[in-house]
Amino acid sequence: MFDIYQRNEGNEKFIAETGKMITTLERIAAEKNKIPAMTEFGYGTLPDSTWWTNVFLKAVAGHHISFVLAWRNAGVKYDGSKEFYVPYKGQASAADFMLFYNSAETLFEKDVAKEKLYK
């Protein structure tokens, strides 16, 4: 498992670096007979309106990881700034998140329940 956040490195570098990290994670997990997971990821305040499908989905495409977990939305801080990693209604990337959510390449909790993966 590992955590990764996009900072100011640019989309293509984030995609490449995330892909390398997941490849390493998959190799180590296979060697250790473990399940690979991305336990924390995000892009603070999601300034890219198409980040979910044009960056994150590309970064994880073709890999076999058990789950990914976006970091929390902390909300408004004492200084008035906002900290969030998943869009809220009306946020610039909310529509793209729905495309990500509905992608044939993603499974969310309700999808996993339908597949009865844990029974």
PDB file of N, CA and C in Angstrom:
ATOM      1  N   MET A   1       0.826  -1.174   0.000  1.00  0.00           N
ATOM      2  CA  MET A   1       0.000   0.000   0.000  1.00  0.00           C
ATOM      3  C   MET A   1       0.875   1.243   0.000  1.00  0.00           C
ATOM      4  N   PHE A   2       0.358   2.310  -0.546  1.00  0.00           N
ATOM      5  CA  PHE A   2       1.090   3.562  -0.558  1.00  0.00           C
ATOM      6  C   PHE A   2       0.132   4.726  -0.733  1.00  0.00           C
ATOM      7  N   ASP A   3       0.650   5.900  -0.458  1.00  0.00           N
ATOM      8  CA  ASP A   3      -0.106   7.145  -0.601  1.00  0.00           C
ATOM      9  C   ASP A   3       0.558   7.966  -1.699  1.00  0.00           C
ATOM     10  N   ILE A   4      -0.249   8.684  -2.494  1.00  0.00           N
ATOM     11  CA  ILE A   4       0.314   9.580  -3.508  1.00  0.00           C
ATOM     12  C   ILE A   4      -0.628  10.757  -3.712  1.00  0.00           C
ATOM     13  N   TYR A   5      -0.029  11.909  -3.810  1.00  0.00           N
ATOM     14  CA  TYR A   5      -0.785  13.143  -4.036  1.00  0.00           C
ATOM     15  C   TYR A   5      -0.193  13.890  -5.209  1.00  0.00           C
ATOM     16  N   GLN A   6      -1.049  14.468  -6.020  1.00  0.00           N
ATOM     17  CA  GLN A   6      -0.557  15.340  -7.067  1.00  0.00           C
ATOM     18  C   GLN A   6      -0.283  16.700  -6.458  1.00  0.00           C
ATOM     19  N   ARG A   7       0.870  17.217  -6.766  1.00  0.00           N
ATOM     20  CA  ARG A   7       1.233  18.551  -6.291  1.00  0.00           C
ATOM     21  C   ARG A   7       1.265  19.471  -7.512  1.00  0.00           C
ATOM     22  N   ASN A   8       2.350  20.094  -7.768  1.00  0.00           N
ATOM     23  CA  ASN A   8       2.466  20.995  -8.910  1.00  0.00           C
ATOM     24  C   ASN A   8       3.338  20.421 -10.021  1.00  0.00           C
ATOM     25  N   GLU A   9       3.511  19.108 -10.051  1.00  0.00           N
ATOM     26  CA  GLU A   9       4.419  18.492 -11.003  1.00  0.00           C
ATOM     27  C   GLU A   9       3.852  18.377 -12.416  1.00  0.00           C
ATOM     28  N   GLY A  10       2.583  18.629 -12.592  1.00  0.00           N
ATOM     29  CA  GLY A  10       1.965  18.502 -13.907  1.00  0.00           C
ATOM     30  C   GLY A  10       1.305  17.144 -14.078  1.00  0.00           C
ATOM     31  N   ASN A  11       0.285  17.098 -14.902  1.00  0.00           N
ATOM     32  CA  ASN A  11      -0.511  15.880 -15.065  1.00  0.00           C
ATOM     33  C   ASN A  11       0.284  14.707 -15.615  1.00  0.00           C
ATOM     34  N   GLU A  12       1.049  14.935 -16.679  1.00  0.00           N
ATOM     35  CA  GLU A  12       1.773  13.820 -17.305  1.00  0.00           C
ATOM     36  C   GLU A  12       2.794  13.208 -16.356  1.00  0.00           C
ATOM     37  N   LYS A  13       3.475  14.024 -15.596  1.00  0.00           N
ATOM     38  CA  LYS A  13       4.448  13.498 -14.631  1.00  0.00           C
ATOM     39  C   LYS A  13       3.729  12.727 -13.528  1.00  0.00           C
ATOM     40  N   PHE A  14       2.596  13.238 -13.057  1.00  0.00           N
ATOM     41  CA  PHE A  14       1.835  12.521 -12.031  1.00  0.00           C
ATOM     42  C   PHE A  14       1.379  11.162 -12.557  1.00  0.00           C
ATOM     43  N   ILE A  15       0.871  11.121 -13.780  1.00  0.00           N
ATOM     44  CA  ILE A  15       0.426   9.859 -14.385  1.00  0.00           C
ATOM     45  C   ILE A  15       1.593   8.881 -14.455  1.00  0.00           C
ATOM     46  N   ALA A  16       2.725   9.328 -14.963  1.00  0.00           N
ATOM     47  CA  ALA A  16       3.901   8.463 -15.101  1.00  0.00           C
ATOM     48  C   ALA A  16       4.405   7.975 -13.750  1.00  0.00           C
ATOM     49  N   GLU A  17       4.542   8.888 -12.793  1.00  0.00           N
ATOM     50  CA  GLU A  17       5.061   8.521 -11.471  1.00  0.00           C
ATOM     51  C   GLU A  17       4.101   7.584 -10.735  1.00  0.00           C
ATOM     52  N   THR A  18       2.820   7.830 -10.846  1.00  0.00           N
ATOM     53  CA  THR A  18       1.838   6.955 -10.207  1.00  0.00           C
ATOM     54  C   THR A  18       1.889   5.572 -10.837  1.00  0.00           C
ATOM     55  N   GLY A  19       1.974   5.519 -12.152  1.00  0.00           N
ATOM     56  CA  GLY A  19       2.078   4.227 -12.839  1.00  0.00           C
ATOM     57  C   GLY A  19       3.295   3.439 -12.379  1.00  0.00           C
ATOM     58  N   LYS A  20       4.437   4.113 -12.247  1.00  0.00           N
ATOM     59  CA  LYS A  20       5.654   3.445 -11.775  1.00  0.00           C
ATOM     60  C   LYS A  20       5.470   2.923 -10.351  1.00  0.00           C
ATOM     61  N   MET A  21       4.881   3.753  -9.508  1.00  0.00           N
ATOM     62  CA  MET A  21       4.675   3.342  -8.115  1.00  0.00           C
ATOM     63  C   MET A  21       3.745   2.136  -8.027  1.00  0.00           C
ATOM     64  N   ILE A  22       2.674   2.145  -8.825  1.00  0.00           N
ATOM     65  CA  ILE A  22       1.735   1.013  -8.787  1.00  0.00           C
ATOM     66  C   ILE A  22       2.401  -0.245  -9.321  1.00  0.00           C
ATOM     67  N   THR A  23       3.190  -0.123 -10.371  1.00  0.00           N
ATOM     68  CA  THR A  23       3.903  -1.284 -10.913  1.00  0.00           C
ATOM     69  C   THR A  23       4.812  -1.885  -9.847  1.00  0.00           C
ATOM     70  N   THR A  24       5.537  -1.043  -9.137  1.00  0.00           N
ATOM     71  CA  THR A  24       6.393  -1.519  -8.048  1.00  0.00           C
ATOM     72  C   THR A  24       5.560  -2.172  -6.950  1.00  0.00           C
ATOM     73  N   LEU A  25       4.472  -1.538  -6.598  1.00  0.00           N
ATOM     74  CA  LEU A  25       3.582  -2.069  -5.572  1.00  0.00           C
ATOM     75  C   LEU A  25       3.043  -3.443  -5.981  1.00  0.00           C
ATOM     76  N   GLU A  26       2.617  -3.579  -7.225  1.00  0.00           N
ATOM     77  CA  GLU A  26       2.092  -4.860  -7.712  1.00  0.00           C
ATOM     78  C   GLU A  26       3.162  -5.953  -7.648  1.00  0.00           C
ATOM     79  N   ARG A  27       4.384  -5.608  -8.026  1.00  0.00           N
ATOM     80  CA  ARG A  27       5.476  -6.585  -7.990  1.00  0.00           C
ATOM     81  C   ARG A  27       5.762  -7.038  -6.563  1.00  0.00           C
ATOM     82  N   ILE A  28       5.874  -6.093  -5.648  1.00  0.00           N
ATOM     83  CA  ILE A  28       6.152  -6.436  -4.250  1.00  0.00           C
ATOM     84  C   ILE A  28       5.000  -7.235  -3.657  1.00  0.00           C
ATOM     85  N   ALA A  29       3.777  -6.842  -3.946  1.00  0.00           N
ATOM     86  CA  ALA A  29       2.616  -7.570  -3.425  1.00  0.00           C
ATOM     87  C   ALA A  29       2.620  -9.012  -3.925  1.00  0.00           C
ATOM     88  N   ALA A  30       2.946  -9.211  -5.191  1.00  0.00           N
ATOM     89  CA  ALA A  30       2.994 -10.573  -5.733  1.00  0.00           C
ATOM     90  C   ALA A  30       4.089 -11.393  -5.046  1.00  0.00           C
ATOM     91  N   GLU A  31       5.247 -10.786  -4.841  1.00  0.00           N
ATOM     92  CA  GLU A  31       6.356 -11.480  -4.173  1.00  0.00           C
ATOM     93  C   GLU A  31       6.008 -11.858  -2.735  1.00  0.00           C
ATOM     94  N   LYS A  32       5.250 -11.015  -2.064  1.00  0.00           N
ATOM     95  CA  LYS A  32       4.923 -11.216  -0.651  1.00  0.00           C
ATOM     96  C   LYS A  32       3.547 -11.861  -0.441  1.00  0.00           C
ATOM     97  N   ASN A  33       2.883 -12.197  -1.546  1.00  0.00           N
ATOM     98  CA  ASN A  33       1.541 -12.776  -1.484  1.00  0.00           C
ATOM     99  C   ASN A  33       0.577 -11.857  -0.725  1.00  0.00           C
ATOM    100  N   LYS A  34       0.612 -10.589  -1.093  1.00  0.00           N
ATOM    101  CA  LYS A  34      -0.230  -9.565  -0.482  1.00  0.00           C
ATOM    102  C   LYS A  34      -1.129  -8.930  -1.534  1.00  0.00           C
ATOM    103  N   ILE A  35      -2.081  -8.161  -1.087  1.00  0.00           N
ATOM    104  CA  ILE A  35      -3.020  -7.480  -1.977  1.00  0.00           C
ATOM    105  C   ILE A  35      -2.592  -6.021  -2.096  1.00  0.00           C
ATOM    106  N   PRO A  36      -2.319  -5.540  -3.313  1.00  0.00           N
ATOM    107  CA  PRO A  36      -1.898  -4.150  -3.469  1.00  0.00           C
ATOM    108  C   PRO A  36      -3.073  -3.176  -3.335  1.00  0.00           C
ATOM    109  N   ALA A  37      -2.817  -2.051  -2.684  1.00  0.00           N
ATOM    110  CA  ALA A  37      -3.853  -1.026  -2.491  1.00  0.00           C
ATOM    111  C   ALA A  37      -3.219   0.354  -2.481  1.00  0.00           C
ATOM    112  N   MET A  38      -3.934   1.321  -3.026  1.00  0.00           N
ATOM    113  CA  MET A  38      -3.541   2.718  -2.940  1.00  0.00           C
ATOM    114  C   MET A  38      -4.371   3.298  -1.803  1.00  0.00           C
ATOM    115  N   THR A  39      -3.752   3.420  -0.650  1.00  0.00           N
ATOM    116  CA  THR A  39      -4.507   3.720   0.566  1.00  0.00           C
ATOM    117  C   THR A  39      -4.781   5.193   0.799  1.00  0.00           C
ATOM    118  N   GLU A  40      -4.178   6.046  -0.001  1.00  0.00           N
ATOM    119  CA  GLU A  40      -4.451   7.473   0.128  1.00  0.00           C
ATOM    120  C   GLU A  40      -4.002   8.150  -1.154  1.00  0.00           C
ATOM    121  N   PHE A  41      -4.886   8.933  -1.753  1.00  0.00           N
ATOM    122  CA  PHE A  41      -4.501   9.691  -2.935  1.00  0.00           C
ATOM    123  C   PHE A  41      -5.320  10.966  -2.987  1.00  0.00           C
ATOM    124  N   GLY A  42      -4.891  11.880  -3.817  1.00  0.00           N
ATOM    125  CA  GLY A  42      -5.686  13.080  -4.011  1.00  0.00           C
ATOM    126  C   GLY A  42      -4.949  14.191  -4.713  1.00  0.00           C
ATOM    127  N   TYR A  43      -5.716  15.211  -5.013  1.00  0.00           N
ATOM    128  CA  TYR A  43      -5.210  16.445  -5.608  1.00  0.00           C
ATOM    129  C   TYR A  43      -5.978  17.549  -4.893  1.00  0.00           C
ATOM    130  N   GLY A  44      -5.327  18.201  -3.974  1.00  0.00           N
ATOM    131  CA  GLY A  44      -5.970  19.196  -3.128  1.00  0.00           C
ATOM    132  C   GLY A  44      -6.697  20.286  -3.888  1.00  0.00           C
ATOM    133  N   THR A  45      -7.925  20.499  -3.561  1.00  0.00           N
ATOM    134  CA  THR A  45      -8.882  21.458  -4.121  1.00  0.00           C
ATOM    135  C   THR A  45      -9.216  21.212  -5.589  1.00  0.00           C
ATOM    136  N   LEU A  46      -8.726  20.121  -6.144  1.00  0.00           N
ATOM    137  CA  LEU A  46      -9.087  19.677  -7.500  1.00  0.00           C
ATOM    138  C   LEU A  46      -9.205  20.819  -8.506  1.00  0.00           C
ATOM    139  N   PRO A  47      -8.100  21.496  -8.801  1.00  0.00           N
ATOM    140  CA  PRO A  47      -8.164  22.631  -9.717  1.00  0.00           C
ATOM    141  C   PRO A  47      -8.375  22.250 -11.183  1.00  0.00           C
ATOM    142  N   ASP A  48      -8.187  20.978 -11.516  1.00  0.00           N
ATOM    143  CA  ASP A  48      -8.354  20.498 -12.893  1.00  0.00           C
ATOM    144  C   ASP A  48      -9.748  19.891 -13.025  1.00  0.00           C
ATOM    145  N   SER A  49     -10.603  20.478 -13.833  1.00  0.00           N
ATOM    146  CA  SER A  49     -12.000  20.025 -13.938  1.00  0.00           C
ATOM    147  C   SER A  49     -12.142  18.643 -14.567  1.00  0.00           C
ATOM    148  N   THR A  50     -11.098  18.125 -15.207  1.00  0.00           N
ATOM    149  CA  THR A  50     -11.174  16.787 -15.813  1.00  0.00           C
ATOM    150  C   THR A  50     -10.146  15.839 -15.192  1.00  0.00           C
ATOM    151  N   TRP A  51      -9.736  16.124 -13.976  1.00  0.00           N
ATOM    152  CA  TRP A  51      -8.688  15.333 -13.330  1.00  0.00           C
ATOM    153  C   TRP A  51      -9.064  13.864 -13.170  1.00  0.00           C
ATOM    154  N   TRP A  52     -10.280  13.570 -12.859  1.00  0.00           N
ATOM    155  CA  TRP A  52     -10.685  12.186 -12.589  1.00  0.00           C
ATOM    156  C   TRP A  52     -10.530  11.278 -13.798  1.00  0.00           C
ATOM    157  N   THR A  53     -10.956  11.726 -14.968  1.00  0.00           N
ATOM    158  CA  THR A  53     -10.872  10.879 -16.158  1.00  0.00           C
ATOM    159  C   THR A  53      -9.607  11.098 -16.974  1.00  0.00           C
ATOM    160  N   ASN A  54      -9.084  12.297 -16.994  1.00  0.00           N
ATOM    161  CA  ASN A  54      -7.921  12.584 -17.828  1.00  0.00           C
ATOM    162  C   ASN A  54      -6.589  12.455 -17.114  1.00  0.00           C
ATOM    163  N   VAL A  55      -6.625  12.298 -15.806  1.00  0.00           N
ATOM    164  CA  VAL A  55      -5.377  12.137 -15.065  1.00  0.00           C
ATOM    165  C   VAL A  55      -5.437  10.874 -14.203  1.00  0.00           C
ATOM    166  N   PHE A  56      -6.296  10.853 -13.196  1.00  0.00           N
ATOM    167  CA  PHE A  56      -6.284   9.735 -12.260  1.00  0.00           C
ATOM    168  C   PHE A  56      -6.639   8.405 -12.915  1.00  0.00           C
ATOM    169  N   LEU A  57      -7.671   8.383 -13.726  1.00  0.00           N
ATOM    170  CA  LEU A  57      -8.054   7.132 -14.388  1.00  0.00           C
ATOM    171  C   LEU A  57      -6.936   6.639 -15.299  1.00  0.00           C
ATOM    172  N   LYS A  58      -6.273   7.542 -15.978  1.00  0.00           N
ATOM    173  CA  LYS A  58      -5.131   7.165 -16.822  1.00  0.00           C
ATOM    174  C   LYS A  58      -3.983   6.618 -15.971  1.00  0.00           C
ATOM    175  N   ALA A  59      -3.782   7.186 -14.809  1.00  0.00           N
ATOM    176  CA  ALA A  59      -2.692   6.759 -13.925  1.00  0.00           C
ATOM    177  C   ALA A  59      -2.887   5.330 -13.418  1.00  0.00           C
ATOM    178  N   VAL A  60      -4.115   4.934 -13.163  1.00  0.00           N
ATOM    179  CA  VAL A  60      -4.371   3.602 -12.605  1.00  0.00           C
ATOM    180  C   VAL A  60      -4.782   2.576 -13.662  1.00  0.00           C
ATOM    181  N   ALA A  61      -5.037   3.022 -14.881  1.00  0.00           N
ATOM    182  CA  ALA A  61      -5.494   2.121 -15.949  1.00  0.00           C
ATOM    183  C   ALA A  61      -4.477   1.010 -16.197  1.00  0.00           C
ATOM    184  N   GLY A  62      -4.987  -0.187 -16.380  1.00  0.00           N
ATOM    185  CA  GLY A  62      -4.131  -1.318 -16.699  1.00  0.00           C
ATOM    186  C   GLY A  62      -3.461  -1.963 -15.500  1.00  0.00           C
ATOM    187  N   HIS A  63      -3.670  -1.410 -14.338  1.00  0.00           N
ATOM    188  CA  HIS A  63      -3.069  -1.975 -13.129  1.00  0.00           C
ATOM    189  C   HIS A  63      -4.111  -2.814 -12.389  1.00  0.00           C
ATOM    190  N   HIS A  64      -3.622  -3.635 -11.490  1.00  0.00           N
ATOM    191  CA  HIS A  64      -4.496  -4.528 -10.722  1.00  0.00           C
ATOM    192  C   HIS A  64      -4.290  -4.256  -9.236  1.00  0.00           C
ATOM    193  N   ILE A  65      -5.004  -3.266  -8.747  1.00  0.00           N
ATOM    194  CA  ILE A  65      -4.931  -2.934  -7.336  1.00  0.00           C
ATOM    195  C   ILE A  65      -6.304  -3.166  -6.720  1.00  0.00           C
ATOM    196  N   SER A  66      -6.313  -3.554  -5.466  1.00  0.00           N
ATOM    197  CA  SER A  66      -7.564  -3.964  -4.828  1.00  0.00           C
ATOM    198  C   SER A  66      -8.497  -2.801  -4.547  1.00  0.00           C
ATOM    199  N   PHE A  67      -7.939  -1.670  -4.164  1.00  0.00           N
ATOM    200  CA  PHE A  67      -8.780  -0.495  -3.924  1.00  0.00           C
ATOM    201  C   PHE A  67      -7.931   0.761  -3.879  1.00  0.00           C
ATOM    202  N   VAL A  68      -8.621   1.880  -4.070  1.00  0.00           N
ATOM    203  CA  VAL A  68      -8.007   3.186  -3.907  1.00  0.00           C
ATOM    204  C   VAL A  68      -8.911   3.982  -2.970  1.00  0.00           C
ATOM    205  N   LEU A  69      -8.299   4.823  -2.176  1.00  0.00           N
ATOM    206  CA  LEU A  69      -9.053   5.602  -1.201  1.00  0.00           C
ATOM    207  C   LEU A  69      -8.623   7.057  -1.278  1.00  0.00           C
ATOM    208  N   ALA A  70      -9.541   7.921  -1.683  1.00  0.00           N
ATOM    209  CA  ALA A  70      -9.250   9.355  -1.721  1.00  0.00           C
ATOM    210  C   ALA A  70      -9.181   9.887  -0.299  1.00  0.00           C
ATOM    211  N   TRP A  71      -8.302  10.859  -0.109  1.00  0.00           N
ATOM    212  CA  TRP A  71      -8.173  11.469   1.200  1.00  0.00           C
ATOM    213  C   TRP A  71      -9.425  12.258   1.531  1.00  0.00           C
ATOM    214  N   ARG A  72      -9.582  12.641   2.741  1.00  0.00           N
ATOM    215  CA  ARG A  72     -10.805  13.231   3.265  1.00  0.00           C
ATOM    216  C   ARG A  72     -11.020  14.671   2.809  1.00  0.00           C
ATOM    217  N   ASN A  73     -12.243  15.067   2.884  1.00  0.00           N
ATOM    218  CA  ASN A  73     -12.601  16.468   2.705  1.00  0.00           C
ATOM    219  C   ASN A  73     -12.687  17.078   4.088  1.00  0.00           C
ATOM    220  N   ALA A  74     -11.698  17.879   4.440  1.00  0.00           N
ATOM    221  CA  ALA A  74     -11.649  18.468   5.775  1.00  0.00           C
ATOM    222  C   ALA A  74     -12.575  19.667   5.906  1.00  0.00           C
ATOM    223  N   GLY A  75     -12.964  20.257   4.781  1.00  0.00           N
ATOM    224  CA  GLY A  75     -13.861  21.404   4.829  1.00  0.00           C
ATOM    225  C   GLY A  75     -13.114  22.713   4.998  1.00  0.00           C
ATOM    226  N   VAL A  76     -13.775  23.655   5.617  1.00  0.00           N
ATOM    227  CA  VAL A  76     -13.207  24.989   5.794  1.00  0.00           C
ATOM    228  C   VAL A  76     -12.321  24.992   7.034  1.00  0.00           C
ATOM    229  N   LYS A  77     -11.127  25.499   6.872  1.00  0.00           N
ATOM    230  CA  LYS A  77     -10.168  25.583   7.971  1.00  0.00           C
ATOM    231  C   LYS A  77     -10.337  26.912   8.711  1.00  0.00           C
ATOM    232  N   TYR A  78      -9.633  27.029   9.825  1.00  0.00           N
ATOM    233  CA  TYR A  78      -9.701  28.246  10.635  1.00  0.00           C
ATOM    234  C   TYR A  78      -9.312  29.496   9.857  1.00  0.00           C
ATOM    235  N   ASP A  79      -8.388  29.329   8.912  1.00  0.00           N
ATOM    236  CA  ASP A  79      -7.938  30.500   8.140  1.00  0.00           C
ATOM    237  C   ASP A  79      -8.862  30.831   6.968  1.00  0.00           C
ATOM    238  N   GLY A  80      -9.947  30.078   6.809  1.00  0.00           N
ATOM    239  CA  GLY A  80     -10.910  30.320   5.740  1.00  0.00           C
ATOM    240  C   GLY A  80     -10.653  29.531   4.472  1.00  0.00           C
ATOM    241  N   SER A  81      -9.492  28.892   4.362  1.00  0.00           N
ATOM    242  CA  SER A  81      -9.197  28.076   3.188  1.00  0.00           C
ATOM    243  C   SER A  81      -9.973  26.759   3.269  1.00  0.00           C
ATOM    244  N   LYS A  82     -10.100  26.109   2.134  1.00  0.00           N
ATOM    245  CA  LYS A  82     -10.813  24.834   2.080  1.00  0.00           C
ATOM    246  C   LYS A  82      -9.827  23.716   1.771  1.00  0.00           C
ATOM    247  N   GLU A  83     -10.044  22.566   2.403  1.00  0.00           N
ATOM    248  CA  GLU A  83      -9.244  21.389   2.107  1.00  0.00           C
ATOM    249  C   GLU A  83     -10.189  20.266   1.700  1.00  0.00           C
ATOM    250  N   PHE A  84     -10.051  19.845   0.438  1.00  0.00           N
ATOM    251  CA  PHE A  84     -10.870  18.729  -0.042  1.00  0.00           C
ATOM    252  C   PHE A  84     -10.149  18.009  -1.165  1.00  0.00           C
ATOM    253  N   TYR A  85     -10.495  16.729  -1.338  1.00  0.00           N
ATOM    254  CA  TYR A  85      -9.854  15.874  -2.324  1.00  0.00           C
ATOM    255  C   TYR A  85     -10.872  15.148  -3.196  1.00  0.00           C
ATOM    256  N   VAL A  86     -12.125  15.203  -2.829  1.00  0.00           N
ATOM    257  CA  VAL A  86     -13.224  14.636  -3.611  1.00  0.00           C
ATOM    258  C   VAL A  86     -14.208  15.775  -3.849  1.00  0.00           C
ATOM    259  N   PRO A  87     -14.713  15.896  -5.071  1.00  0.00           N
ATOM    260  CA  PRO A  87     -15.579  17.050  -5.358  1.00  0.00           C
ATOM    261  C   PRO A  87     -16.901  16.994  -4.604  1.00  0.00           C
ATOM    262  N   TYR A  88     -17.433  18.143  -4.368  1.00  0.00           N
ATOM    263  CA  TYR A  88     -18.758  18.291  -3.792  1.00  0.00           C
ATOM    264  C   TYR A  88     -19.653  18.860  -4.889  1.00  0.00           C
ATOM    265  N   LYS A  89     -20.938  18.837  -4.668  1.00  0.00           N
ATOM    266  CA  LYS A  89     -21.889  19.329  -5.664  1.00  0.00           C
ATOM    267  C   LYS A  89     -21.535  20.759  -6.067  1.00  0.00           C
ATOM    268  N   GLY A  90     -21.380  20.958  -7.360  1.00  0.00           N
ATOM    269  CA  GLY A  90     -21.061  22.271  -7.883  1.00  0.00           C
ATOM    270  C   GLY A  90     -19.572  22.558  -8.023  1.00  0.00           C
ATOM    271  N   GLN A  91     -18.704  21.735  -7.451  1.00  0.00           N
ATOM    272  CA  GLN A  91     -17.266  21.924  -7.578  1.00  0.00           C
ATOM    273  C   GLN A  91     -16.857  21.653  -9.033  1.00  0.00           C
ATOM    274  N   ALA A  92     -15.796  22.277  -9.501  1.00  0.00           N
ATOM    275  CA  ALA A  92     -15.390  22.232 -10.907  1.00  0.00           C
ATOM    276  C   ALA A  92     -15.211  20.825 -11.468  1.00  0.00           C
ATOM    277  N   SER A  93     -14.778  19.860 -10.667  1.00  0.00           N
ATOM    278  CA  SER A  93     -14.545  18.507 -11.179  1.00  0.00           C
ATOM    279  C   SER A  93     -15.690  17.538 -10.874  1.00  0.00           C
ATOM    280  N   ALA A  94     -16.790  18.021 -10.349  1.00  0.00           N
ATOM    281  CA  ALA A  94     -17.902  17.135  -9.959  1.00  0.00           C
ATOM    282  C   ALA A  94     -18.469  16.360 -11.147  1.00  0.00           C
ATOM    283  N   ALA A  95     -18.676  17.007 -12.282  1.00  0.00           N
ATOM    284  CA  ALA A  95     -19.222  16.305 -13.459  1.00  0.00           C
ATOM    285  C   ALA A  95     -18.246  15.245 -13.947  1.00  0.00           C
ATOM    286  N   ASP A  96     -16.952  15.561 -13.934  1.00  0.00           N
ATOM    287  CA  ASP A  96     -15.954  14.589 -14.366  1.00  0.00           C
ATOM    288  C   ASP A  96     -15.870  13.420 -13.389  1.00  0.00           C
ATOM    289  N   PHE A  97     -16.044  13.705 -12.098  1.00  0.00           N
ATOM    290  CA  PHE A  97     -16.064  12.615 -11.121  1.00  0.00           C
ATOM    291  C   PHE A  97     -17.198  11.640 -11.437  1.00  0.00           C
ATOM    292  N   MET A  98     -18.340  12.144 -11.865  1.00  0.00           N
ATOM    293  CA  MET A  98     -19.459  11.262 -12.215  1.00  0.00           C
ATOM    294  C   MET A  98     -19.119  10.404 -13.436  1.00  0.00           C
ATOM    295  N   LEU A  99     -18.367  10.948 -14.376  1.00  0.00           N
ATOM    296  CA  LEU A  99     -17.897  10.143 -15.511  1.00  0.00           C
ATOM    297  C   LEU A  99     -16.958   9.045 -15.018  1.00  0.00           C
ATOM    298  N   PHE A 100     -16.077   9.397 -14.097  1.00  0.00           N
ATOM    299  CA  PHE A 100     -15.171   8.433 -13.470  1.00  0.00           C
ATOM    300  C   PHE A 100     -15.968   7.364 -12.738  1.00  0.00           C
ATOM    301  N   TYR A 101     -16.926   7.790 -11.962  1.00  0.00           N
ATOM    302  CA  TYR A 101     -17.779   6.893 -11.182  1.00  0.00           C
ATOM    303  C   TYR A 101     -18.516   5.904 -12.085  1.00  0.00           C
ATOM    304  N   ASN A 102     -19.014   6.381 -13.208  1.00  0.00           N
ATOM    305  CA  ASN A 102     -19.790   5.551 -14.125  1.00  0.00           C
ATOM    306  C   ASN A 102     -18.943   4.797 -15.141  1.00  0.00           C
ATOM    307  N   SER A 103     -17.647   4.959 -15.097  1.00  0.00           N
ATOM    308  CA  SER A 103     -16.752   4.289 -16.027  1.00  0.00           C
ATOM    309  C   SER A 103     -16.813   2.775 -15.842  1.00  0.00           C
ATOM    310  N   ALA A 104     -16.714   2.065 -16.944  1.00  0.00           N
ATOM    311  CA  ALA A 104     -16.663   0.593 -16.891  1.00  0.00           C
ATOM    312  C   ALA A 104     -15.375   0.115 -16.226  1.00  0.00           C
ATOM    313  N   GLU A 105     -14.406   1.003 -16.063  1.00  0.00           N
ATOM    314  CA  GLU A 105     -13.115   0.646 -15.480  1.00  0.00           C
ATOM    315  C   GLU A 105     -13.062   0.800 -13.966  1.00  0.00           C
ATOM    316  N   THR A 106     -14.141   1.304 -13.359  1.00  0.00           N
ATOM    317  CA  THR A 106     -14.142   1.494 -11.912  1.00  0.00           C
ATOM    318  C   THR A 106     -15.232   0.652 -11.254  1.00  0.00           C
ATOM    319  N   LEU A 107     -14.966   0.262 -10.039  1.00  0.00           N
ATOM    320  CA  LEU A 107     -15.950  -0.404  -9.186  1.00  0.00           C
ATOM    321  C   LEU A 107     -16.034   0.386  -7.894  1.00  0.00           C
ATOM    322  N   PHE A 108     -17.237   0.714  -7.499  1.00  0.00           N
ATOM    323  CA  PHE A 108     -17.466   1.360  -6.214  1.00  0.00           C
ATOM    324  C   PHE A 108     -18.193   0.369  -5.311  1.00  0.00           C
ATOM    325  N   GLU A 109     -18.432   0.740  -4.080  1.00  0.00           N
ATOM    326  CA  GLU A 109     -19.005  -0.184  -3.094  1.00  0.00           C
ATOM    327  C   GLU A 109     -20.261  -0.881  -3.603  1.00  0.00           C
ATOM    328  N   LYS A 110     -21.164  -0.148  -4.215  1.00  0.00           N
ATOM    329  CA  LYS A 110     -22.403  -0.778  -4.685  1.00  0.00           C
ATOM    330  C   LYS A 110     -22.130  -1.783  -5.807  1.00  0.00           C
ATOM    331  N   ASP A 111     -21.111  -1.517  -6.633  1.00  0.00           N
ATOM    332  CA  ASP A 111     -20.746  -2.440  -7.701  1.00  0.00           C
ATOM    333  C   ASP A 111     -20.160  -3.723  -7.126  1.00  0.00           C
ATOM    334  N   VAL A 112     -19.323  -3.571  -6.136  1.00  0.00           N
ATOM    335  CA  VAL A 112     -18.684  -4.730  -5.493  1.00  0.00           C
ATOM    336  C   VAL A 112     -19.767  -5.590  -4.815  1.00  0.00           C
ATOM    337  N   ALA A 113     -20.744  -4.955  -4.183  1.00  0.00           N
ATOM    338  CA  ALA A 113     -21.822  -5.691  -3.522  1.00  0.00           C
ATOM    339  C   ALA A 113     -22.591  -6.537  -4.529  1.00  0.00           C
ATOM    340  N   LYS A 114     -22.864  -5.974  -5.710  1.00  0.00           N
ATOM    341  CA  LYS A 114     -23.579  -6.711  -6.757  1.00  0.00           C
ATOM    342  C   LYS A 114     -22.789  -7.922  -7.234  1.00  0.00           C
ATOM    343  N   GLU A 115     -21.473  -7.789  -7.280  1.00  0.00           N
ATOM    344  CA  GLU A 115     -20.605  -8.868  -7.751  1.00  0.00           C
ATOM    345  C   GLU A 115     -20.408  -9.956  -6.686  1.00  0.00           C
ATOM    346  N   LYS A 116     -20.793  -9.683  -5.453  1.00  0.00           N
ATOM    347  CA  LYS A 116     -20.658 -10.619  -4.345  1.00  0.00           C
ATOM    348  C   LYS A 116     -19.213 -11.140  -4.230  1.00  0.00           C
ATOM    349  N   LEU A 117     -18.279 -10.219  -4.308  1.00  0.00           N
ATOM    350  CA  LEU A 117     -16.877 -10.570  -4.265  1.00  0.00           C
ATOM    351  C   LEU A 117     -16.411 -11.131  -2.936  1.00  0.00           C
ATOM    352  N   TYR A 118     -17.132 -10.825  -1.882  1.00  0.00           N
ATOM    353  CA  TYR A 118     -16.689 -11.218  -0.553  1.00  0.00           C
ATOM    354  C   TYR A 118     -17.558 -12.303   0.069  1.00  0.00           C
ATOM    355  N   LYS A 119     -18.255 -13.023  -0.744  1.00  0.00           N
ATOM    356  CA  LYS A 119     -19.091 -14.115  -0.209  1.00  0.00           C
ATOM    357  C   LYS A 119     -18.566 -15.447  -0.627  1.00  0.00           C
TER     358      LYS A 119
END
